[in-house]
Full PDB file with SEQRES, HELIX, SHEET, SSBOND, CRYST1, ORIGX, SCALE, CONECT and MASTER records, all heavy atoms in Angstrom:
SEQRES   1 A   39  PRO ASP SER GLU HIS PHE ALA PHE SER TRP SER GLU PRO          
SEQRES   2 A   39  GLU ASN PRO VAL ARG GLY LEU TRP VAL SER LYS THR ASP          
SEQRES   3 A   39  GLY LYS LYS VAL ARG LEU SER SER ASN THR ALA SER VAL          
SHEET    1 AA1 3 HIS A   5  TRP A  10  0                                        
SHEET    2 AA1 3 GLY A  19  LYS A  24 -1                                        
SHEET    3 AA1 3 VAL A  30  SER A  34 -1                                        
CRYST1    1.000    1.000    1.000  90.00  90.00  90.00 P 1           1          
ORIGX1      1.000000  0.000000  0.000000        0.00000                         
ORIGX2      0.000000  1.000000  0.000000        0.00000                         
ORIGX3      0.000000  0.000000  1.000000        0.00000                         
SCALE1      1.000000  0.000000  0.000000        0.00000                         
SCALE2      0.000000  1.000000  0.000000        0.00000                         
SCALE3      0.000000  0.000000  1.000000        0.00000                         
ATOM      1  N   PRO A   1    -126.218 -18.420 -57.738  1.00  0.00           N  
ATOM      2  CA  PRO A   1    -127.262 -17.600 -57.140  1.00  0.00           C  
ATOM      3  C   PRO A   1    -128.743 -18.229 -57.529  1.00  0.00           C  
ATOM      4  O   PRO A   1    -129.681 -18.000 -56.798  1.00  0.00           O  
ATOM      5  CB  PRO A   1    -127.189 -16.316 -57.842  1.00  0.00           C  
ATOM      6  CG  PRO A   1    -125.700 -16.155 -58.250  1.00  0.00           C  
ATOM      7  CD  PRO A   1    -125.275 -17.570 -58.578  1.00  0.00           C  
ATOM      8  N   ASP A   2    -128.992 -18.888 -58.724  1.00  0.00           N  
ATOM      9  CA  ASP A   2    -130.138 -19.357 -59.130  1.00  0.00           C  
ATOM     10  C   ASP A   2    -130.496 -20.783 -58.658  1.00  0.00           C  
ATOM     11  O   ASP A   2    -131.484 -21.391 -58.921  1.00  0.00           O  
ATOM     12  CB  ASP A   2    -130.382 -19.178 -60.609  1.00  0.00           C  
ATOM     13  CG  ASP A   2    -129.392 -20.227 -61.332  1.00  0.00           C  
ATOM     14  OD1 ASP A   2    -128.460 -20.856 -60.724  1.00  0.00           O  
ATOM     15  OD2 ASP A   2    -129.431 -20.415 -62.499  1.00  0.00           O  
ATOM     16  N   SER A   3    -129.586 -21.279 -57.856  1.00  0.00           N  
ATOM     17  CA  SER A   3    -129.745 -22.747 -57.216  1.00  0.00           C  
ATOM     18  C   SER A   3    -129.730 -23.849 -58.280  1.00  0.00           C  
ATOM     19  O   SER A   3    -130.091 -24.923 -57.957  1.00  0.00           O  
ATOM     20  CB  SER A   3    -130.981 -22.842 -56.398  1.00  0.00           C  
ATOM     21  OG  SER A   3    -130.989 -21.821 -55.294  1.00  0.00           O  
ATOM     22  N   GLU A   4    -129.188 -23.528 -59.467  1.00  0.00           N  
ATOM     23  CA  GLU A   4    -129.245 -24.554 -60.563  1.00  0.00           C  
ATOM     24  C   GLU A   4    -128.026 -25.360 -60.628  1.00  0.00           C  
ATOM     25  O   GLU A   4    -127.940 -26.410 -61.167  1.00  0.00           O  
ATOM     26  CB  GLU A   4    -129.480 -23.998 -61.941  1.00  0.00           C  
ATOM     27  CG  GLU A   4    -130.934 -23.467 -61.997  1.00  0.00           C  
ATOM     28  CD  GLU A   4    -131.984 -24.476 -61.939  1.00  0.00           C  
ATOM     29  OE1 GLU A   4    -131.749 -25.541 -62.628  1.00  0.00           O  
ATOM     30  OE2 GLU A   4    -132.951 -24.195 -61.364  1.00  0.00           O  
ATOM     31  N   HIS A   5    -126.865 -24.789 -60.151  1.00  0.00           N  
ATOM     32  CA  HIS A   5    -125.611 -25.515 -60.084  1.00  0.00           C  
ATOM     33  C   HIS A   5    -124.775 -25.194 -58.793  1.00  0.00           C  
ATOM     34  O   HIS A   5    -125.141 -24.204 -58.006  1.00  0.00           O  
ATOM     35  CB  HIS A   5    -124.583 -24.958 -61.294  1.00  0.00           C  
ATOM     36  CG  HIS A   5    -125.251 -25.224 -62.673  1.00  0.00           C  
ATOM     37  ND1 HIS A   5    -126.041 -24.367 -63.285  1.00  0.00           N  
ATOM     38  CD2 HIS A   5    -124.973 -26.213 -63.483  1.00  0.00           C  
ATOM     39  CE1 HIS A   5    -126.258 -24.867 -64.516  1.00  0.00           C  
ATOM     40  NE2 HIS A   5    -125.602 -26.008 -64.520  1.00  0.00           N  
ATOM     41  N   PHE A   6    -123.865 -26.041 -58.515  1.00  0.00           N  
ATOM     42  CA  PHE A   6    -122.990 -25.785 -57.483  1.00  0.00           C  
ATOM     43  C   PHE A   6    -121.558 -26.240 -57.923  1.00  0.00           C  
ATOM     44  O   PHE A   6    -121.423 -27.021 -58.788  1.00  0.00           O  
ATOM     45  CB  PHE A   6    -123.381 -26.608 -56.123  1.00  0.00           C  
ATOM     46  CG  PHE A   6    -123.361 -28.107 -56.290  1.00  0.00           C  
ATOM     47  CD1 PHE A   6    -122.264 -28.879 -56.065  1.00  0.00           C  
ATOM     48  CD2 PHE A   6    -124.517 -28.694 -56.636  1.00  0.00           C  
ATOM     49  CE1 PHE A   6    -122.389 -30.310 -56.101  1.00  0.00           C  
ATOM     50  CE2 PHE A   6    -124.736 -30.056 -56.570  1.00  0.00           C  
ATOM     51  CZ  PHE A   6    -123.539 -30.896 -56.516  1.00  0.00           C  
ATOM     52  N   ALA A   7    -120.544 -25.548 -57.418  1.00  0.00           N  
ATOM     53  CA  ALA A   7    -119.113 -25.642 -57.842  1.00  0.00           C  
ATOM     54  C   ALA A   7    -118.224 -26.066 -56.574  1.00  0.00           C  
ATOM     55  O   ALA A   7    -118.541 -25.821 -55.493  1.00  0.00           O  
ATOM     56  CB  ALA A   7    -118.563 -24.436 -58.455  1.00  0.00           C  
ATOM     57  N   PHE A   8    -117.262 -26.801 -56.940  1.00  0.00           N  
ATOM     58  CA  PHE A   8    -116.394 -27.252 -55.839  1.00  0.00           C  
ATOM     59  C   PHE A   8    -114.935 -27.538 -56.499  1.00  0.00           C  
ATOM     60  O   PHE A   8    -114.874 -27.760 -57.660  1.00  0.00           O  
ATOM     61  CB  PHE A   8    -116.886 -28.498 -55.111  1.00  0.00           C  
ATOM     62  CG  PHE A   8    -117.167 -29.676 -55.938  1.00  0.00           C  
ATOM     63  CD1 PHE A   8    -116.216 -30.636 -56.041  1.00  0.00           C  
ATOM     64  CD2 PHE A   8    -118.447 -29.705 -56.565  1.00  0.00           C  
ATOM     65  CE1 PHE A   8    -116.642 -31.784 -56.893  1.00  0.00           C  
ATOM     66  CE2 PHE A   8    -118.731 -30.827 -57.399  1.00  0.00           C  
ATOM     67  CZ  PHE A   8    -117.759 -31.844 -57.685  1.00  0.00           C  
ATOM     68  N   SER A   9    -113.832 -27.563 -55.660  1.00  0.00           N  
ATOM     69  CA  SER A   9    -112.609 -27.937 -56.156  1.00  0.00           C  
ATOM     70  C   SER A   9    -112.373 -29.431 -55.723  1.00  0.00           C  
ATOM     71  O   SER A   9    -112.847 -29.851 -54.462  1.00  0.00           O  
ATOM     72  CB  SER A   9    -111.525 -27.073 -55.638  1.00  0.00           C  
ATOM     73  OG  SER A   9    -111.299 -27.163 -54.228  1.00  0.00           O  
ATOM     74  N   TRP A  10    -111.740 -30.096 -56.653  1.00  0.00           N  
ATOM     75  CA  TRP A  10    -111.614 -31.546 -56.316  1.00  0.00           C  
ATOM     76  C   TRP A  10    -110.648 -32.209 -57.472  1.00  0.00           C  
ATOM     77  O   TRP A  10    -110.479 -31.575 -58.454  1.00  0.00           O  
ATOM     78  CB  TRP A  10    -113.001 -32.277 -56.310  1.00  0.00           C  
ATOM     79  CG  TRP A  10    -112.997 -33.768 -56.099  1.00  0.00           C  
ATOM     80  CD1 TRP A  10    -112.601 -34.339 -54.963  1.00  0.00           C  
ATOM     81  CD2 TRP A  10    -113.340 -34.756 -57.008  1.00  0.00           C  
ATOM     82  NE1 TRP A  10    -112.804 -35.715 -55.108  1.00  0.00           N  
ATOM     83  CE2 TRP A  10    -113.189 -36.055 -56.354  1.00  0.00           C  
ATOM     84  CE3 TRP A  10    -113.768 -34.685 -58.380  1.00  0.00           C  
ATOM     85  CZ2 TRP A  10    -113.553 -37.232 -57.088  1.00  0.00           C  
ATOM     86  CZ3 TRP A  10    -114.147 -35.934 -58.998  1.00  0.00           C  
ATOM     87  CH2 TRP A  10    -114.006 -37.170 -58.294  1.00  0.00           C  
ATOM     88  N   SER A  11    -110.183 -33.321 -57.198  1.00  0.00           N  
ATOM     89  CA  SER A  11    -109.349 -33.990 -58.215  1.00  0.00           C  
ATOM     90  C   SER A  11    -109.761 -35.448 -58.190  1.00  0.00           C  
ATOM     91  O   SER A  11    -109.990 -36.006 -57.153  1.00  0.00           O  
ATOM     92  CB  SER A  11    -107.925 -33.828 -58.055  1.00  0.00           C  
ATOM     93  OG  SER A  11    -107.431 -34.361 -56.818  1.00  0.00           O  
ATOM     94  N   GLU A  12    -109.799 -36.026 -59.360  1.00  0.00           N  
ATOM     95  CA  GLU A  12    -110.075 -37.487 -59.446  1.00  0.00           C  
ATOM     96  C   GLU A  12    -108.888 -38.203 -58.942  1.00  0.00           C  
ATOM     97  O   GLU A  12    -107.849 -37.640 -58.858  1.00  0.00           O  
ATOM     98  CB  GLU A  12    -110.227 -37.856 -60.971  1.00  0.00           C  
ATOM     99  CG  GLU A  12    -111.533 -37.211 -61.394  1.00  0.00           C  
ATOM    100  CD  GLU A  12    -111.764 -37.542 -63.083  1.00  0.00           C  
ATOM    101  OE1 GLU A  12    -110.834 -37.117 -63.864  1.00  0.00           O  
ATOM    102  OE2 GLU A  12    -112.556 -38.328 -63.479  1.00  0.00           O  
ATOM    103  N   PRO A  13    -109.156 -39.437 -58.537  1.00  0.00           N  
ATOM    104  CA  PRO A  13    -108.057 -40.311 -58.015  1.00  0.00           C  
ATOM    105  C   PRO A  13    -106.875 -40.218 -58.955  1.00  0.00           C  
ATOM    106  O   PRO A  13    -106.899 -40.354 -60.130  1.00  0.00           O  
ATOM    107  CB  PRO A  13    -108.594 -41.734 -58.048  1.00  0.00           C  
ATOM    108  CG  PRO A  13    -110.112 -41.452 -57.835  1.00  0.00           C  
ATOM    109  CD  PRO A  13    -110.342 -40.364 -58.587  1.00  0.00           C  
ATOM    110  N   GLU A  14    -105.654 -40.095 -58.238  1.00  0.00           N  
ATOM    111  CA  GLU A  14    -104.323 -40.148 -58.931  1.00  0.00           C  
ATOM    112  C   GLU A  14    -104.041 -38.851 -59.727  1.00  0.00           C  
ATOM    113  O   GLU A  14    -103.051 -38.680 -60.272  1.00  0.00           O  
ATOM    114  CB  GLU A  14    -104.144 -41.265 -59.848  1.00  0.00           C  
ATOM    115  CG  GLU A  14    -104.245 -42.596 -59.109  1.00  0.00           C  
ATOM    116  CD  GLU A  14    -103.838 -43.840 -59.853  1.00  0.00           C  
ATOM    117  OE1 GLU A  14    -102.894 -43.664 -60.686  1.00  0.00           O  
ATOM    118  OE2 GLU A  14    -104.478 -44.891 -59.691  1.00  0.00           O  
ATOM    119  N   ASN A  15    -104.917 -37.773 -59.662  1.00  0.00           N  
ATOM    120  CA  ASN A  15    -104.701 -36.499 -60.379  1.00  0.00           C  
ATOM    121  C   ASN A  15    -104.248 -35.516 -59.159  1.00  0.00           C  
ATOM    122  O   ASN A  15    -105.086 -35.251 -58.400  1.00  0.00           O  
ATOM    123  CB  ASN A  15    -105.936 -35.999 -61.012  1.00  0.00           C  
ATOM    124  CG  ASN A  15    -105.730 -34.712 -61.733  1.00  0.00           C  
ATOM    125  OD1 ASN A  15    -104.560 -34.027 -61.506  1.00  0.00           O  
ATOM    126  ND2 ASN A  15    -106.680 -34.365 -62.495  1.00  0.00           N  
ATOM    127  N   PRO A  16    -103.093 -35.055 -59.182  1.00  0.00           N  
ATOM    128  CA  PRO A  16    -102.603 -33.961 -58.198  1.00  0.00           C  
ATOM    129  C   PRO A  16    -103.196 -32.650 -58.187  1.00  0.00           C  
ATOM    130  O   PRO A  16    -103.009 -31.996 -57.224  1.00  0.00           O  
ATOM    131  CB  PRO A  16    -101.005 -34.050 -58.276  1.00  0.00           C  
ATOM    132  CG  PRO A  16    -100.995 -34.250 -59.849  1.00  0.00           C  
ATOM    133  CD  PRO A  16    -101.981 -35.132 -60.286  1.00  0.00           C  
ATOM    134  N   VAL A  17    -103.789 -32.287 -59.275  1.00  0.00           N  
ATOM    135  CA  VAL A  17    -104.366 -30.874 -59.387  1.00  0.00           C  
ATOM    136  C   VAL A  17    -105.753 -30.825 -58.895  1.00  0.00           C  
ATOM    137  O   VAL A  17    -106.692 -31.614 -59.507  1.00  0.00           O  
ATOM    138  CB  VAL A  17    -104.221 -30.442 -60.817  1.00  0.00           C  
ATOM    139  CG1 VAL A  17    -104.709 -28.964 -61.066  1.00  0.00           C  
ATOM    140  CG2 VAL A  17    -102.640 -30.442 -61.350  1.00  0.00           C  
ATOM    141  N   ARG A  18    -106.040 -29.863 -58.083  1.00  0.00           N  
ATOM    142  CA  ARG A  18    -107.426 -29.600 -57.751  1.00  0.00           C  
ATOM    143  C   ARG A  18    -108.115 -28.768 -58.732  1.00  0.00           C  
ATOM    144  O   ARG A  18    -107.883 -27.580 -58.910  1.00  0.00           O  
ATOM    145  CB  ARG A  18    -107.440 -28.738 -56.306  1.00  0.00           C  
ATOM    146  CG  ARG A  18    -107.586 -29.658 -55.194  1.00  0.00           C  
ATOM    147  CD  ARG A  18    -107.887 -28.850 -53.918  1.00  0.00           C  
ATOM    148  NE  ARG A  18    -108.002 -29.609 -52.722  1.00  0.00           N  
ATOM    149  CZ  ARG A  18    -109.160 -30.181 -52.318  1.00  0.00           C  
ATOM    150  NH1 ARG A  18    -110.286 -30.006 -53.043  1.00  0.00           N  
ATOM    151  NH2 ARG A  18    -109.216 -30.838 -51.195  1.00  0.00           N  
ATOM    152  N   GLY A  19    -109.019 -29.417 -59.537  1.00  0.00           N  
ATOM    153  CA  GLY A  19    -109.595 -28.655 -60.604  1.00  0.00           C  
ATOM    154  C   GLY A  19    -110.889 -28.081 -60.087  1.00  0.00           C  
ATOM    155  O   GLY A  19    -111.422 -28.342 -59.047  1.00  0.00           O  
ATOM    156  N   LEU A  20    -111.551 -27.303 -61.114  1.00  0.00           N  
ATOM    157  CA  LEU A  20    -112.799 -26.578 -60.738  1.00  0.00           C  
ATOM    158  C   LEU A  20    -113.972 -27.562 -61.411  1.00  0.00           C  
ATOM    159  O   LEU A  20    -113.906 -27.740 -62.614  1.00  0.00           O  
ATOM    160  CB  LEU A  20    -112.816 -25.287 -61.404  1.00  0.00           C  
ATOM    161  CG  LEU A  20    -114.288 -24.491 -61.365  1.00  0.00           C  
ATOM    162  CD1 LEU A  20    -114.571 -24.164 -59.946  1.00  0.00           C  
ATOM    163  CD2 LEU A  20    -114.165 -23.261 -62.219  1.00  0.00           C  
ATOM    164  N   TRP A  21    -114.802 -27.974 -60.504  1.00  0.00           N  
ATOM    165  CA  TRP A  21    -115.830 -28.919 -61.024  1.00  0.00           C  
ATOM    166  C   TRP A  21    -117.316 -28.335 -60.753  1.00  0.00           C  
ATOM    167  O   TRP A  21    -117.394 -27.480 -59.835  1.00  0.00           O  
ATOM    168  CB  TRP A  21    -115.825 -30.210 -60.209  1.00  0.00           C  
ATOM    169  CG  TRP A  21    -114.625 -31.073 -60.423  1.00  0.00           C  
ATOM    170  CD1 TRP A  21    -113.356 -30.851 -59.975  1.00  0.00           C  
ATOM    171  CD2 TRP A  21    -114.551 -32.214 -61.198  1.00  0.00           C  
ATOM    172  NE1 TRP A  21    -112.483 -31.806 -60.517  1.00  0.00           N  
ATOM    173  CE2 TRP A  21    -113.202 -32.735 -61.243  1.00  0.00           C  
ATOM    174  CE3 TRP A  21    -115.545 -32.944 -61.887  1.00  0.00           C  
ATOM    175  CZ2 TRP A  21    -112.890 -33.816 -61.897  1.00  0.00           C  
ATOM    176  CZ3 TRP A  21    -115.163 -33.987 -62.569  1.00  0.00           C  
ATOM    177  CH2 TRP A  21    -113.849 -34.548 -62.605  1.00  0.00           C  
ATOM    178  N   VAL A  22    -118.240 -28.502 -61.640  1.00  0.00           N  
ATOM    179  CA  VAL A  22    -119.509 -28.009 -61.652  1.00  0.00           C  
ATOM    180  C   VAL A  22    -120.504 -29.156 -61.741  1.00  0.00           C  
ATOM    181  O   VAL A  22    -120.411 -30.069 -62.556  1.00  0.00           O  
ATOM    182  CB  VAL A  22    -119.729 -26.957 -62.755  1.00  0.00           C  
ATOM    183  CG1 VAL A  22    -121.155 -26.423 -62.588  1.00  0.00           C  
ATOM    184  CG2 VAL A  22    -118.753 -25.866 -62.638  1.00  0.00           C  
ATOM    185  N   SER A  23    -121.534 -29.106 -60.849  1.00  0.00           N  
ATOM    186  CA  SER A  23    -122.541 -30.082 -60.970  1.00  0.00           C  
ATOM    187  C   SER A  23    -124.029 -29.467 -61.019  1.00  0.00           C  
ATOM    188  O   SER A  23    -124.154 -28.406 -60.388  1.00  0.00           O  
ATOM    189  CB  SER A  23    -122.497 -31.004 -59.809  1.00  0.00           C  
ATOM    190  OG  SER A  23    -123.729 -31.940 -59.672  1.00  0.00           O  
ATOM    191  N   LYS A  24    -124.908 -30.133 -61.725  1.00  0.00           N  
ATOM    192  CA  LYS A  24    -126.292 -29.658 -61.643  1.00  0.00           C  
ATOM    193  C   LYS A  24    -126.882 -30.251 -60.282  1.00  0.00           C  
ATOM    194  O   LYS A  24    -126.238 -31.136 -59.769  1.00  0.00           O  
ATOM    195  CB  LYS A  24    -127.063 -30.036 -62.775  1.00  0.00           C  
ATOM    196  CG  LYS A  24    -126.822 -29.363 -64.131  1.00  0.00           C  
ATOM    197  CD  LYS A  24    -127.658 -29.705 -65.257  1.00  0.00           C  
ATOM    198  CE  LYS A  24    -129.149 -29.181 -64.973  1.00  0.00           C  
ATOM    199  NZ  LYS A  24    -129.255 -27.752 -64.996  1.00  0.00           N  
ATOM    200  N   THR A  25    -128.138 -29.897 -59.989  1.00  0.00           N  
ATOM    201  CA  THR A  25    -128.731 -30.216 -58.727  1.00  0.00           C  
ATOM    202  C   THR A  25    -129.078 -31.673 -58.595  1.00  0.00           C  
ATOM    203  O   THR A  25    -129.166 -32.156 -57.530  1.00  0.00           O  
ATOM    204  CB  THR A  25    -130.021 -29.369 -58.607  1.00  0.00           C  
ATOM    205  OG1 THR A  25    -130.917 -29.718 -59.696  1.00  0.00           O  
ATOM    206  CG2 THR A  25    -129.786 -28.004 -58.436  1.00  0.00           C  
ATOM    207  N   ASP A  26    -129.179 -32.417 -59.779  1.00  0.00           N  
ATOM    208  CA  ASP A  26    -129.296 -33.950 -59.677  1.00  0.00           C  
ATOM    209  C   ASP A  26    -128.055 -34.553 -59.331  1.00  0.00           C  
ATOM    210  O   ASP A  26    -128.182 -35.839 -58.984  1.00  0.00           O  
ATOM    211  CB  ASP A  26    -130.016 -34.438 -60.924  1.00  0.00           C  
ATOM    212  CG  ASP A  26    -129.091 -34.248 -62.156  1.00  0.00           C  
ATOM    213  OD1 ASP A  26    -127.997 -33.773 -62.052  1.00  0.00           O  
ATOM    214  OD2 ASP A  26    -129.565 -34.375 -63.299  1.00  0.00           O  
ATOM    215  N   GLY A  27    -126.880 -33.963 -59.307  1.00  0.00           N  
ATOM    216  CA  GLY A  27    -125.772 -34.626 -59.057  1.00  0.00           C  
ATOM    217  C   GLY A  27    -125.255 -35.756 -60.045  1.00  0.00           C  
ATOM    218  O   GLY A  27    -124.218 -36.287 -59.791  1.00  0.00           O  
ATOM    219  N   LYS A  28    -126.033 -35.786 -61.230  1.00  0.00           N  
ATOM    220  CA  LYS A  28    -125.537 -36.757 -62.106  1.00  0.00           C  
ATOM    221  C   LYS A  28    -124.733 -36.259 -63.383  1.00  0.00           C  
ATOM    222  O   LYS A  28    -124.137 -36.998 -64.098  1.00  0.00           O  
ATOM    223  CB  LYS A  28    -126.774 -37.528 -62.641  1.00  0.00           C  
ATOM    224  CG  LYS A  28    -127.449 -38.378 -61.561  1.00  0.00           C  
ATOM    225  CD  LYS A  28    -128.745 -39.021 -62.071  1.00  0.00           C  
ATOM    226  CE  LYS A  28    -129.391 -39.841 -61.002  1.00  0.00           C  
ATOM    227  NZ  LYS A  28    -130.638 -40.443 -61.493  1.00  0.00           N  
ATOM    228  N   LYS A  29    -124.837 -34.884 -63.393  1.00  0.00           N  
ATOM    229  CA  LYS A  29    -124.135 -34.238 -64.591  1.00  0.00           C  
ATOM    230  C   LYS A  29    -123.021 -33.423 -63.977  1.00  0.00           C  
ATOM    231  O   LYS A  29    -123.159 -32.128 -63.751  1.00  0.00           O  
ATOM    232  CB  LYS A  29    -125.139 -33.420 -65.381  1.00  0.00           C  
ATOM    233  CG  LYS A  29    -126.275 -34.191 -66.087  1.00  0.00           C  
ATOM    234  CD  LYS A  29    -127.108 -33.352 -66.897  1.00  0.00           C  
ATOM    235  CE  LYS A  29    -128.279 -34.147 -67.479  1.00  0.00           C  
ATOM    236  NZ  LYS A  29    -129.275 -33.278 -68.132  1.00  0.00           N  
ATOM    237  N   VAL A  30    -121.850 -33.969 -63.761  1.00  0.00           N  
ATOM    238  CA  VAL A  30    -120.808 -33.385 -63.105  1.00  0.00           C  
ATOM    239  C   VAL A  30    -119.702 -33.097 -64.172  1.00  0.00           C  
ATOM    240  O   VAL A  30    -119.267 -34.087 -64.873  1.00  0.00           O  
ATOM    241  CB  VAL A  30    -120.231 -34.198 -61.982  1.00  0.00           C  
ATOM    242  CG1 VAL A  30    -119.025 -33.579 -61.345  1.00  0.00           C  
ATOM    243  CG2 VAL A  30    -121.290 -34.600 -61.063  1.00  0.00           C  
ATOM    244  N   ARG A  31    -119.195 -31.809 -64.303  1.00  0.00           N  
ATOM    245  CA  ARG A  31    -118.290 -31.451 -65.372  1.00  0.00           C  
ATOM    246  C   ARG A  31    -116.999 -30.893 -64.758  1.00  0.00           C  
ATOM    247  O   ARG A  31    -117.062 -30.102 -63.779  1.00  0.00           O  
ATOM    248  CB  ARG A  31    -118.876 -30.455 -66.161  1.00  0.00           C  
ATOM    249  CG  ARG A  31    -120.240 -30.846 -66.737  1.00  0.00           C  
ATOM    250  CD  ARG A  31    -120.731 -29.882 -67.831  1.00  0.00           C  
ATOM    251  NE  ARG A  31    -121.102 -28.643 -67.237  1.00  0.00           N  
ATOM    252  CZ  ARG A  31    -121.655 -27.500 -67.871  1.00  0.00           C  
ATOM    253  NH1 ARG A  31    -121.986 -27.862 -69.111  1.00  0.00           N  
ATOM    254  NH2 ARG A  31    -121.934 -26.513 -67.281  1.00  0.00           N  
ATOM    255  N   LEU A  32    -115.928 -31.321 -65.266  1.00  0.00           N  
ATOM    256  CA  LEU A  32    -114.560 -30.641 -64.941  1.00  0.00           C  
ATOM    257  C   LEU A  32    -114.448 -29.498 -65.758  1.00  0.00           C  
ATOM    258  O   LEU A  32    -114.441 -29.599 -67.098  1.00  0.00           O  
ATOM    259  CB  LEU A  32    -113.437 -31.659 -65.127  1.00  0.00           C  
ATOM    260  CG  LEU A  32    -112.119 -31.124 -65.083  1.00  0.00           C  
ATOM    261  CD1 LEU A  32    -111.816 -30.577 -63.597  1.00  0.00           C  
ATOM    262  CD2 LEU A  32    -111.022 -32.147 -65.415  1.00  0.00           C  
ATOM    263  N   SER A  33    -114.482 -28.256 -65.254  1.00  0.00           N  
ATOM    264  CA  SER A  33    -114.294 -27.063 -66.034  1.00  0.00           C  
ATOM    265  C   SER A  33    -112.897 -26.668 -66.215  1.00  0.00           C  
ATOM    266  O   SER A  33    -112.624 -25.955 -67.179  1.00  0.00           O  
ATOM    267  CB  SER A  33    -115.240 -25.982 -65.316  1.00  0.00           C  
ATOM    268  OG  SER A  33    -116.486 -26.209 -65.258  1.00  0.00           O  
ATOM    269  N   SER A  34    -112.053 -27.032 -65.351  1.00  0.00           N  
ATOM    270  CA  SER A  34    -110.636 -26.689 -65.406  1.00  0.00           C  
ATOM    271  C   SER A  34    -109.814 -27.526 -64.561  1.00  0.00           C  
ATOM    272  O   SER A  34    -110.181 -27.773 -63.367  1.00  0.00           O  
ATOM    273  CB  SER A  34    -110.450 -25.193 -65.191  1.00  0.00           C  
ATOM    274  OG  SER A  34    -109.072 -24.856 -65.258  1.00  0.00           O  
ATOM    275  N   ASN A  35    -108.621 -27.846 -65.135  1.00  0.00           N  
ATOM    276  CA  ASN A  35    -107.589 -28.445 -64.173  1.00  0.00           C  
ATOM    277  C   ASN A  35    -106.146 -27.865 -64.612  1.00  0.00           C  
ATOM    278  O   ASN A  35    -105.150 -28.488 -64.551  1.00  0.00           O  
ATOM    279  CB  ASN A  35    -107.537 -29.986 -64.403  1.00  0.00           C  
ATOM    280  CG  ASN A  35    -107.155 -30.508 -65.854  1.00  0.00           C  
ATOM    281  OD1 ASN A  35    -107.028 -29.609 -66.736  1.00  0.00           O  
ATOM    282  ND2 ASN A  35    -107.060 -31.724 -65.946  1.00  0.00           N  
ATOM    283  N   THR A  36    -106.304 -26.521 -64.949  1.00  0.00           N  
ATOM    284  CA  THR A  36    -105.036 -25.850 -65.450  1.00  0.00           C  
ATOM    285  C   THR A  36    -103.991 -25.675 -64.261  1.00  0.00           C  
ATOM    286  O   THR A  36    -102.869 -25.718 -64.497  1.00  0.00           O  
ATOM    287  CB  THR A  36    -105.391 -24.445 -65.975  1.00  0.00           C  
ATOM    288  OG1 THR A  36    -106.140 -23.776 -64.969  1.00  0.00           O  
ATOM    289  CG2 THR A  36    -106.246 -24.471 -67.327  1.00  0.00           C  
ATOM    290  N   ALA A  37    -104.599 -25.370 -63.115  1.00  0.00           N  
ATOM    291  CA  ALA A  37    -103.847 -25.116 -61.849  1.00  0.00           C  
ATOM    292  C   ALA A  37    -104.776 -25.365 -60.706  1.00  0.00           C  
ATOM    293  O   ALA A  37    -105.936 -25.155 -60.694  1.00  0.00           O  
ATOM    294  CB  ALA A  37    -103.232 -23.830 -61.802  1.00  0.00           C  
ATOM    295  N   SER A  38    -104.119 -25.690 -59.559  1.00  0.00           N  
ATOM    296  CA  SER A  38    -104.973 -26.121 -58.356  1.00  0.00           C  
ATOM    297  C   SER A  38    -105.857 -24.760 -57.908  1.00  0.00           C  
ATOM    298  O   SER A  38    -105.313 -23.639 -57.812  1.00  0.00           O  
ATOM    299  CB  SER A  38    -104.162 -26.370 -57.155  1.00  0.00           C  
ATOM    300  OG  SER A  38    -103.613 -27.675 -57.354  1.00  0.00           O  
ATOM    301  N   VAL A  39    -107.214 -25.054 -57.863  1.00  0.00           N  
ATOM    302  CA  VAL A  39    -108.153 -24.071 -57.422  1.00  0.00           C  
ATOM    303  C   VAL A  39    -108.094 -23.821 -55.970  1.00  0.00           C  
ATOM    304  O   VAL A  39    -108.301 -24.786 -55.168  1.00  0.00           O  
ATOM    305  CB  VAL A  39    -109.497 -24.433 -57.937  1.00  0.00           C  
ATOM    306  CG1 VAL A  39    -110.620 -23.459 -57.416  1.00  0.00           C  
ATOM    307  CG2 VAL A  39    -109.437 -24.461 -59.478  1.00  0.00           C  
TER     308      VAL A  39                                                      
MASTER        0    0    0    0    3    0    0    6  307    1    0    3          
END                                                                             
C-alpha cells in the first residue's frame, strides 16, 4: 500500500517450488521470503 515494496511468486532456475519474493522499488534488493510450498 505504501509503494515501497512489491511481491511476486517465482522460483530460481532448477527450483520447482514457487516461492514468495519481495523487492524494493529499486529492484536491486530482492529477497526470498519463503519457499515452504508453492505460492
